[in-house]
Amino acid sequence: MVSFTPSSLRRMGFVPGTVVETILTTIASDGTPNAAPMGVWVHPGSNLVIRPYAETQTAKNLLEVPEAVINITDDSRIFFNTAFKRRGTDTEDFFFDPSKSVRPPRLRGMLGYLEVEIEEPLKPQEIENPLEYECKIKEVDAPSRLPQVYSRARFAAIESVIHATRIVALSDSDPDLTERLYRLVQEYHSLVHRIAPNSVHSGVVDDVLYLVKQLVYWL
């Protein structure tokens, strides 16, 4: 267990002035959990801010239950499967465990967890797009593990998933940006197949490229 201090957050990668990529779990008022990729903005002073879009299930859940779990992982498969709600064949995606101090559950097998409470949940009439929530940290849990070497393939696969979510969201409203993001996805696909062929990361970028082509017909 890691106690909450600014220095402990920095050791976990939450560096002030940066956006980090996580998986956020929330829960609806009927108890249905949801997991989705979420960028977390780390303000100076170690305040954490999340900015979900108003039409997402994450935003709807936070209006009903203003609590969440920031799940920390570097597994590109988890990002893909939670972004597009697919269950992996060899992962434990969507297996939930109870949290210690909030109602939303944790994703099983993550590298660490921050259980948070939303400071001032917005009322429905105040909704703007995207929403912005400041988080109050209730619990920090970071199981220790051996360090891992940096992999460009892991980075490229996770970036591909993030770009794919934006492509699907913007394909009708911003075709120019959609095309630029699609070209980046193609570049990441080529990179991963060059440096990590037949890996979990190459499988993710294959799935991303296939899914984007299926959902955005004109690309």
C-alpha atoms as a PDB file:
ATOM      1  CA  MET A   1       0.000   0.000   0.000  1.00  0.00           C
ATOM      2  CA  VAL A   2       1.268   3.487  -0.856  1.00  0.00           C
ATOM      3  CA  SER A   3       0.065   6.429   1.220  1.00  0.00           C
ATOM      4  CA  PHE A   4      -1.109   9.490  -0.655  1.00  0.00           C
ATOM      5  CA  THR A   5       1.569  12.158  -0.896  1.00  0.00           C
ATOM      6  CA  PRO A   6       2.579  14.380  -3.834  1.00  0.00           C
ATOM      7  CA  SER A   7       5.871  12.482  -4.036  1.00  0.00           C
ATOM      8  CA  SER A   8       4.113   9.095  -4.167  1.00  0.00           C
ATOM      9  CA  LEU A   9       1.961  10.330  -7.065  1.00  0.00           C
ATOM     10  CA  ARG A  10       5.051  11.502  -8.928  1.00  0.00           C
ATOM     11  CA  ARG A  11       6.675   8.097  -8.452  1.00  0.00           C
ATOM     12  CA  MET A  12       3.583   6.557 -10.055  1.00  0.00           C
ATOM     13  CA  GLY A  13       3.951   8.870 -13.080  1.00  0.00           C
ATOM     14  CA  PHE A  14       1.458  11.591 -12.118  1.00  0.00           C
ATOM     15  CA  VAL A  15       3.780  14.501 -12.863  1.00  0.00           C
ATOM     16  CA  PRO A  16       2.313  18.014 -12.434  1.00  0.00           C
ATOM     17  CA  GLY A  17       1.627  19.782 -15.712  1.00  0.00           C
ATOM     18  CA  THR A  18       1.082  16.598 -17.719  1.00  0.00           C
ATOM     19  CA  VAL A  19      -1.783  14.443 -18.974  1.00  0.00           C
ATOM     20  CA  VAL A  20      -1.468  10.734 -18.254  1.00  0.00           C
ATOM     21  CA  GLU A  21      -3.543   7.936 -19.766  1.00  0.00           C
ATOM     22  CA  THR A  22      -5.487   5.650 -17.456  1.00  0.00           C
ATOM     23  CA  ILE A  23      -8.601   3.483 -17.336  1.00  0.00           C
ATOM     24  CA  LEU A  24     -11.436   5.010 -15.325  1.00  0.00           C
ATOM     25  CA  THR A  25     -14.071   2.825 -13.703  1.00  0.00           C
ATOM     26  CA  THR A  26     -17.387   4.375 -12.702  1.00  0.00           C
ATOM     27  CA  ILE A  27     -20.738   2.995 -11.659  1.00  0.00           C
ATOM     28  CA  ALA A  28     -24.349   3.847 -12.491  1.00  0.00           C
ATOM     29  CA  SER A  29     -26.994   4.318  -9.798  1.00  0.00           C
ATOM     30  CA  ASP A  30     -28.309   0.809 -10.543  1.00  0.00           C
ATOM     31  CA  GLY A  31     -24.880  -0.676  -9.781  1.00  0.00           C
ATOM     32  CA  THR A  32     -23.753  -1.301 -13.382  1.00  0.00           C
ATOM     33  CA  PRO A  33     -19.993  -0.684 -13.702  1.00  0.00           C
ATOM     34  CA  ASN A  34     -18.267   0.899 -16.683  1.00  0.00           C
ATOM     35  CA  ALA A  35     -14.604   1.034 -17.657  1.00  0.00           C
ATOM     36  CA  ALA A  36     -13.183   3.429 -20.260  1.00  0.00           C
ATOM     37  CA  PRO A  37      -9.831   5.025 -21.140  1.00  0.00           C
ATOM     38  CA  MET A  38      -9.462   8.449 -19.568  1.00  0.00           C
ATOM     39  CA  GLY A  39      -6.767  11.079 -19.695  1.00  0.00           C
ATOM     40  CA  VAL A  40      -6.032  12.558 -16.282  1.00  0.00           C
ATOM     41  CA  TRP A  41      -4.639  16.076 -16.076  1.00  0.00           C
ATOM     42  CA  VAL A  42      -2.238  16.598 -13.188  1.00  0.00           C
ATOM     43  CA  HIS A  43      -2.425  20.216 -12.046  1.00  0.00           C
ATOM     44  CA  PRO A  44       0.425  21.840 -10.152  1.00  0.00           C
ATOM     45  CA  GLY A  45      -0.090  20.950  -6.517  1.00  0.00           C
ATOM     46  CA  SER A  46      -1.030  17.368  -7.507  1.00  0.00           C
ATOM     47  CA  ASN A  47      -4.730  18.053  -8.029  1.00  0.00           C
ATOM     48  CA  LEU A  48      -6.125  15.527 -10.492  1.00  0.00           C
ATOM     49  CA  VAL A  49      -8.695  16.552 -13.109  1.00  0.00           C
ATOM     50  CA  ILE A  50     -10.652  14.294 -15.463  1.00  0.00           C
ATOM     51  CA  ARG A  51     -12.507  15.620 -18.510  1.00  0.00           C
ATOM     52  CA  PRO A  52     -15.058  13.126 -19.926  1.00  0.00           C
ATOM     53  CA  TYR A  53     -17.326  14.129 -22.793  1.00  0.00           C
ATOM     54  CA  ALA A  54     -20.897  14.773 -21.745  1.00  0.00           C
ATOM     55  CA  GLU A  55     -22.450  12.108 -23.959  1.00  0.00           C
ATOM     56  CA  THR A  56     -20.288   9.258 -22.609  1.00  0.00           C
ATOM     57  CA  GLN A  57     -21.378   6.656 -20.105  1.00  0.00           C
ATOM     58  CA  THR A  58     -18.531   7.808 -17.855  1.00  0.00           C
ATOM     59  CA  ALA A  59     -20.005  11.314 -17.614  1.00  0.00           C
ATOM     60  CA  LYS A  60     -23.518   9.991 -17.029  1.00  0.00           C
ATOM     61  CA  ASN A  61     -22.283   7.706 -14.266  1.00  0.00           C
ATOM     62  CA  LEU A  62     -20.373  10.498 -12.526  1.00  0.00           C
ATOM     63  CA  LEU A  63     -23.536  12.586 -12.401  1.00  0.00           C
ATOM     64  CA  GLU A  64     -25.287   9.708 -10.628  1.00  0.00           C
ATOM     65  CA  VAL A  65     -22.418   8.450  -8.450  1.00  0.00           C
ATOM     66  CA  PRO A  66     -19.638  11.058  -8.075  1.00  0.00           C
ATOM     67  CA  GLU A  67     -16.855   8.561  -7.401  1.00  0.00           C
ATOM     68  CA  ALA A  68     -14.373   6.700  -9.604  1.00  0.00           C
ATOM     69  CA  VAL A  69     -11.300   4.504  -9.691  1.00  0.00           C
ATOM     70  CA  ILE A  70      -8.274   5.549 -11.729  1.00  0.00           C
ATOM     71  CA  ASN A  71      -6.815   2.213 -12.824  1.00  0.00           C
ATOM     72  CA  ILE A  72      -3.162   2.321 -13.853  1.00  0.00           C
ATOM     73  CA  THR A  73      -1.982   0.018 -16.638  1.00  0.00           C
ATOM     74  CA  ASP A  74       0.431   0.011 -19.556  1.00  0.00           C
ATOM     75  CA  ASP A  75      -1.280  -2.904 -21.309  1.00  0.00           C
ATOM     76  CA  SER A  76      -2.453  -1.754 -24.743  1.00  0.00           C
ATOM     77  CA  ARG A  77      -5.034  -4.568 -24.865  1.00  0.00           C
ATOM     78  CA  ILE A  78      -6.806  -3.138 -21.824  1.00  0.00           C
ATOM     79  CA  PHE A  79      -7.041   0.271 -23.483  1.00  0.00           C
ATOM     80  CA  PHE A  80      -8.485  -1.246 -26.665  1.00  0.00           C
ATOM     81  CA  ASN A  81     -10.946  -3.560 -24.973  1.00  0.00           C
ATOM     82  CA  THR A  82     -12.318  -0.898 -22.621  1.00  0.00           C
ATOM     83  CA  ALA A  83     -12.456   1.756 -25.361  1.00  0.00           C
ATOM     84  CA  PHE A  84     -14.532  -0.435 -27.646  1.00  0.00           C
ATOM     85  CA  LYS A  85     -16.088  -2.702 -25.003  1.00  0.00           C
ATOM     86  CA  ARG A  86     -14.554  -5.912 -26.238  1.00  0.00           C
ATOM     87  CA  ARG A  87     -13.520  -8.785 -24.020  1.00  0.00           C
ATOM     88  CA  GLY A  88     -10.049 -10.113 -24.760  1.00  0.00           C
ATOM     89  CA  THR A  89      -9.453 -13.819 -25.205  1.00  0.00           C
ATOM     90  CA  ASP A  90      -6.348 -13.960 -23.017  1.00  0.00           C
ATOM     91  CA  THR A  91      -6.813 -11.046 -20.627  1.00  0.00           C
ATOM     92  CA  GLU A  92      -8.932 -10.367 -17.550  1.00  0.00           C
ATOM     93  CA  ASP A  93     -10.611  -7.275 -18.948  1.00  0.00           C
ATOM     94  CA  PHE A  94     -13.940  -6.424 -17.344  1.00  0.00           C
ATOM     95  CA  PHE A  95     -13.253  -8.558 -14.288  1.00  0.00           C
ATOM     96  CA  PHE A  96     -13.967  -6.275 -11.350  1.00  0.00           C
ATOM     97  CA  ASP A  97     -12.919  -6.346  -7.707  1.00  0.00           C
ATOM     98  CA  PRO A  98     -14.426  -4.285  -4.868  1.00  0.00           C
ATOM     99  CA  SER A  99     -12.755  -0.985  -4.082  1.00  0.00           C
ATOM    100  CA  LYS A 100     -11.731  -0.009  -0.559  1.00  0.00           C
ATOM    101  CA  SER A 101     -13.288   3.441  -0.162  1.00  0.00           C
ATOM    102  CA  VAL A 102     -15.542   4.176  -3.160  1.00  0.00           C
ATOM    103  CA  ARG A 103     -18.500   2.439  -4.796  1.00  0.00           C
ATOM    104  CA  PRO A 104     -17.120   1.927  -8.330  1.00  0.00           C
ATOM    105  CA  PRO A 105     -15.067  -1.277  -8.574  1.00  0.00           C
ATOM    106  CA  ARG A 106     -11.460  -1.740  -9.566  1.00  0.00           C
ATOM    107  CA  LEU A 107     -10.328  -3.512 -12.709  1.00  0.00           C
ATOM    108  CA  ARG A 108      -8.578  -6.681 -11.681  1.00  0.00           C
ATOM    109  CA  GLY A 109      -4.838  -7.029 -12.191  1.00  0.00           C
ATOM    110  CA  MET A 110      -3.835  -3.401 -12.728  1.00  0.00           C
ATOM    111  CA  LEU A 111      -0.475  -1.903 -11.762  1.00  0.00           C
ATOM    112  CA  GLY A 112      -2.061   0.464  -9.267  1.00  0.00           C
ATOM    113  CA  TYR A 113      -5.240   2.247  -8.258  1.00  0.00           C
ATOM    114  CA  LEU A 114      -6.359   5.694  -7.176  1.00  0.00           C
ATOM    115  CA  GLU A 115      -9.832   5.739  -5.661  1.00  0.00           C
ATOM    116  CA  VAL A 116     -11.274   9.239  -5.977  1.00  0.00           C
ATOM    117  CA  GLU A 117     -14.306  11.295  -5.106  1.00  0.00           C
ATOM    118  CA  ILE A 118     -15.558  14.037  -7.400  1.00  0.00           C
ATOM    119  CA  GLU A 119     -15.301  17.328  -5.540  1.00  0.00           C
ATOM    120  CA  GLU A 120     -18.278  19.165  -7.053  1.00  0.00           C
ATOM    121  CA  PRO A 121     -20.354  17.057  -9.455  1.00  0.00           C
ATOM    122  CA  LEU A 122     -22.106  19.160 -12.067  1.00  0.00           C
ATOM    123  CA  LYS A 123     -25.869  19.259 -12.273  1.00  0.00           C
ATOM    124  CA  PRO A 124     -27.432  18.220 -15.618  1.00  0.00           C
ATOM    125  CA  GLN A 125     -28.311  21.817 -16.530  1.00  0.00           C
ATOM    126  CA  GLU A 126     -24.648  22.833 -16.111  1.00  0.00           C
ATOM    127  CA  ILE A 127     -23.285  20.300 -18.570  1.00  0.00           C
ATOM    128  CA  GLU A 128     -20.780  21.512 -21.122  1.00  0.00           C
ATOM    129  CA  ASN A 129     -18.702  19.410 -23.440  1.00  0.00           C
ATOM    130  CA  PRO A 130     -16.299  18.199 -22.168  1.00  0.00           C
ATOM    131  CA  LEU A 131     -17.062  18.182 -18.478  1.00  0.00           C
ATOM    132  CA  GLU A 132     -14.307  18.897 -15.998  1.00  0.00           C
ATOM    133  CA  TYR A 133     -14.112  17.239 -12.611  1.00  0.00           C
ATOM    134  CA  GLU A 134     -11.523  17.793  -9.907  1.00  0.00           C
ATOM    135  CA  CYS A 135     -10.810  14.660  -7.906  1.00  0.00           C
ATOM    136  CA  LYS A 136     -10.269  14.205  -4.201  1.00  0.00           C
ATOM    137  CA  ILE A 137      -8.049  11.184  -3.605  1.00  0.00           C
ATOM    138  CA  LYS A 138      -9.472   8.718  -1.077  1.00  0.00           C
ATOM    139  CA  GLU A 139      -7.124   5.755  -1.507  1.00  0.00           C
ATOM    140  CA  VAL A 140      -3.832   4.995  -3.270  1.00  0.00           C
ATOM    141  CA  ASP A 141      -2.846   1.399  -3.859  1.00  0.00           C
ATOM    142  CA  ALA A 142       0.254   0.546  -5.873  1.00  0.00           C
ATOM    143  CA  PRO A 143       1.452  -3.060  -5.675  1.00  0.00           C
ATOM    144  CA  SER A 144       5.168  -3.315  -6.343  1.00  0.00           C
ATOM    145  CA  ARG A 145       6.562  -5.003  -9.431  1.00  0.00           C
ATOM    146  CA  LEU A 146       9.841  -5.301 -11.306  1.00  0.00           C
ATOM    147  CA  PRO A 147      10.617  -2.385 -13.631  1.00  0.00           C
ATOM    148  CA  GLN A 148      10.034  -2.853 -17.341  1.00  0.00           C
ATOM    149  CA  VAL A 149      12.064  -1.596 -20.279  1.00  0.00           C
ATOM    150  CA  TYR A 150      10.462   1.023 -22.501  1.00  0.00           C
ATOM    151  CA  SER A 151       8.720  -0.283 -25.617  1.00  0.00           C
ATOM    152  CA  ARG A 152       7.859   1.968 -28.559  1.00  0.00           C
ATOM    153  CA  ALA A 153       5.389  -0.709 -29.630  1.00  0.00           C
ATOM    154  CA  ARG A 154       3.396  -0.356 -26.412  1.00  0.00           C
ATOM    155  CA  PHE A 155       3.312   3.418 -26.818  1.00  0.00           C
ATOM    156  CA  ALA A 156       2.235   3.177 -30.466  1.00  0.00           C
ATOM    157  CA  ALA A 157      -0.509   0.669 -29.722  1.00  0.00           C
ATOM    158  CA  ILE A 158      -2.002   2.789 -26.935  1.00  0.00           C
ATOM    159  CA  GLU A 159      -1.790   5.936 -29.073  1.00  0.00           C
ATOM    160  CA  SER A 160      -3.599   4.081 -31.857  1.00  0.00           C
ATOM    161  CA  VAL A 161      -6.477   3.247 -29.525  1.00  0.00           C
ATOM    162  CA  ILE A 162      -6.738   6.859 -28.338  1.00  0.00           C
ATOM    163  CA  HIS A 163      -6.705   8.164 -31.916  1.00  0.00           C
ATOM    164  CA  ALA A 164      -9.310   5.582 -32.937  1.00  0.00           C
ATOM    165  CA  THR A 165     -11.761   6.797 -30.296  1.00  0.00           C
ATOM    166  CA  ARG A 166     -11.363  10.346 -31.632  1.00  0.00           C
ATOM    167  CA  ILE A 167     -11.748   9.184 -35.236  1.00  0.00           C
ATOM    168  CA  VAL A 168     -15.062   7.520 -34.454  1.00  0.00           C
ATOM    169  CA  ALA A 169     -16.269  10.541 -32.476  1.00  0.00           C
ATOM    170  CA  LEU A 170     -15.204  13.169 -35.043  1.00  0.00           C
ATOM    171  CA  SER A 171     -15.750  11.418 -38.372  1.00  0.00           C
ATOM    172  CA  ASP A 172     -19.005  13.279 -39.068  1.00  0.00           C
ATOM    173  CA  SER A 173     -18.031  16.705 -37.729  1.00  0.00           C
ATOM    174  CA  ASP A 174     -14.327  17.100 -38.633  1.00  0.00           C
ATOM    175  CA  PRO A 175     -13.274  15.033 -41.669  1.00  0.00           C
ATOM    176  CA  ASP A 176      -9.895  16.772 -42.003  1.00  0.00           C
ATOM    177  CA  LEU A 177      -8.827  15.923 -38.461  1.00  0.00           C
ATOM    178  CA  THR A 178     -10.262  12.439 -38.908  1.00  0.00           C
ATOM    179  CA  GLU A 179      -8.030  11.859 -41.924  1.00  0.00           C
ATOM    180  CA  ARG A 180      -4.942  13.162 -40.106  1.00  0.00           C
ATOM    181  CA  LEU A 181      -5.611  10.871 -37.160  1.00  0.00           C
ATOM    182  CA  TYR A 182      -6.195   7.952 -39.505  1.00  0.00           C
ATOM    183  CA  ARG A 183      -2.812   8.538 -41.143  1.00  0.00           C
ATOM    184  CA  LEU A 184      -1.212   8.451 -37.689  1.00  0.00           C
ATOM    185  CA  VAL A 185      -2.950   5.156 -36.945  1.00  0.00           C
ATOM    186  CA  GLN A 186      -1.560   3.765 -40.191  1.00  0.00           C
ATOM    187  CA  GLU A 187       1.944   4.970 -39.290  1.00  0.00           C
ATOM    188  CA  TYR A 188       1.733   3.392 -35.847  1.00  0.00           C
ATOM    189  CA  HIS A 189       0.502   0.180 -37.444  1.00  0.00           C
ATOM    190  CA  SER A 190       3.586   0.082 -39.677  1.00  0.00           C
ATOM    191  CA  LEU A 191       5.889   0.902 -36.752  1.00  0.00           C
ATOM    192  CA  VAL A 192       4.535  -1.838 -34.508  1.00  0.00           C
ATOM    193  CA  HIS A 193       4.733  -4.464 -37.233  1.00  0.00           C
ATOM    194  CA  ARG A 194       8.337  -3.447 -37.866  1.00  0.00           C
ATOM    195  CA  ILE A 195       9.579  -3.550 -34.269  1.00  0.00           C
ATOM    196  CA  ALA A 196       7.164  -6.007 -32.601  1.00  0.00           C
ATOM    197  CA  PRO A 197       5.663  -8.376 -35.164  1.00  0.00           C
ATOM    198  CA  ASN A 198       3.525 -11.216 -33.815  1.00  0.00           C
ATOM    199  CA  SER A 199       3.200  -9.500 -30.428  1.00  0.00           C
ATOM    200  CA  VAL A 200       0.181  -8.451 -28.382  1.00  0.00           C
ATOM    201  CA  HIS A 201       0.811  -4.916 -29.632  1.00  0.00           C
ATOM    202  CA  SER A 202       0.655  -5.917 -33.288  1.00  0.00           C
ATOM    203  CA  GLY A 203      -2.652  -7.621 -32.548  1.00  0.00           C
ATOM    204  CA  VAL A 204      -4.004  -4.424 -31.008  1.00  0.00           C
ATOM    205  CA  VAL A 205      -3.019  -2.194 -33.941  1.00  0.00           C
ATOM    206  CA  ASP A 206      -4.491  -4.747 -36.366  1.00  0.00           C
ATOM    207  CA  ASP A 207      -7.771  -4.652 -34.455  1.00  0.00           C
ATOM    208  CA  VAL A 208      -7.740  -0.848 -34.323  1.00  0.00           C
ATOM    209  CA  LEU A 209      -7.188  -0.458 -38.046  1.00  0.00           C
ATOM    210  CA  TYR A 210      -9.872  -3.017 -38.870  1.00  0.00           C
ATOM    211  CA  LEU A 211     -12.396  -1.470 -36.488  1.00  0.00           C
ATOM    212  CA  VAL A 212     -11.824   2.074 -37.753  1.00  0.00           C
ATOM    213  CA  LYS A 213     -12.356   0.965 -41.328  1.00  0.00           C
ATOM    214  CA  GLN A 214     -15.571  -0.780 -40.315  1.00  0.00           C
ATOM    215  CA  LEU A 215     -16.998   2.149 -38.343  1.00  0.00           C
ATOM    216  CA  VAL A 216     -15.903   5.007 -40.615  1.00  0.00           C
ATOM    217  CA  TYR A 217     -16.883   3.819 -44.066  1.00  0.00           C
ATOM    218  CA  TRP A 218     -15.327   6.640 -46.075  1.00  0.00           C
ATOM    219  CA  LEU A 219     -11.733   6.187 -44.888  1.00  0.00           C
END
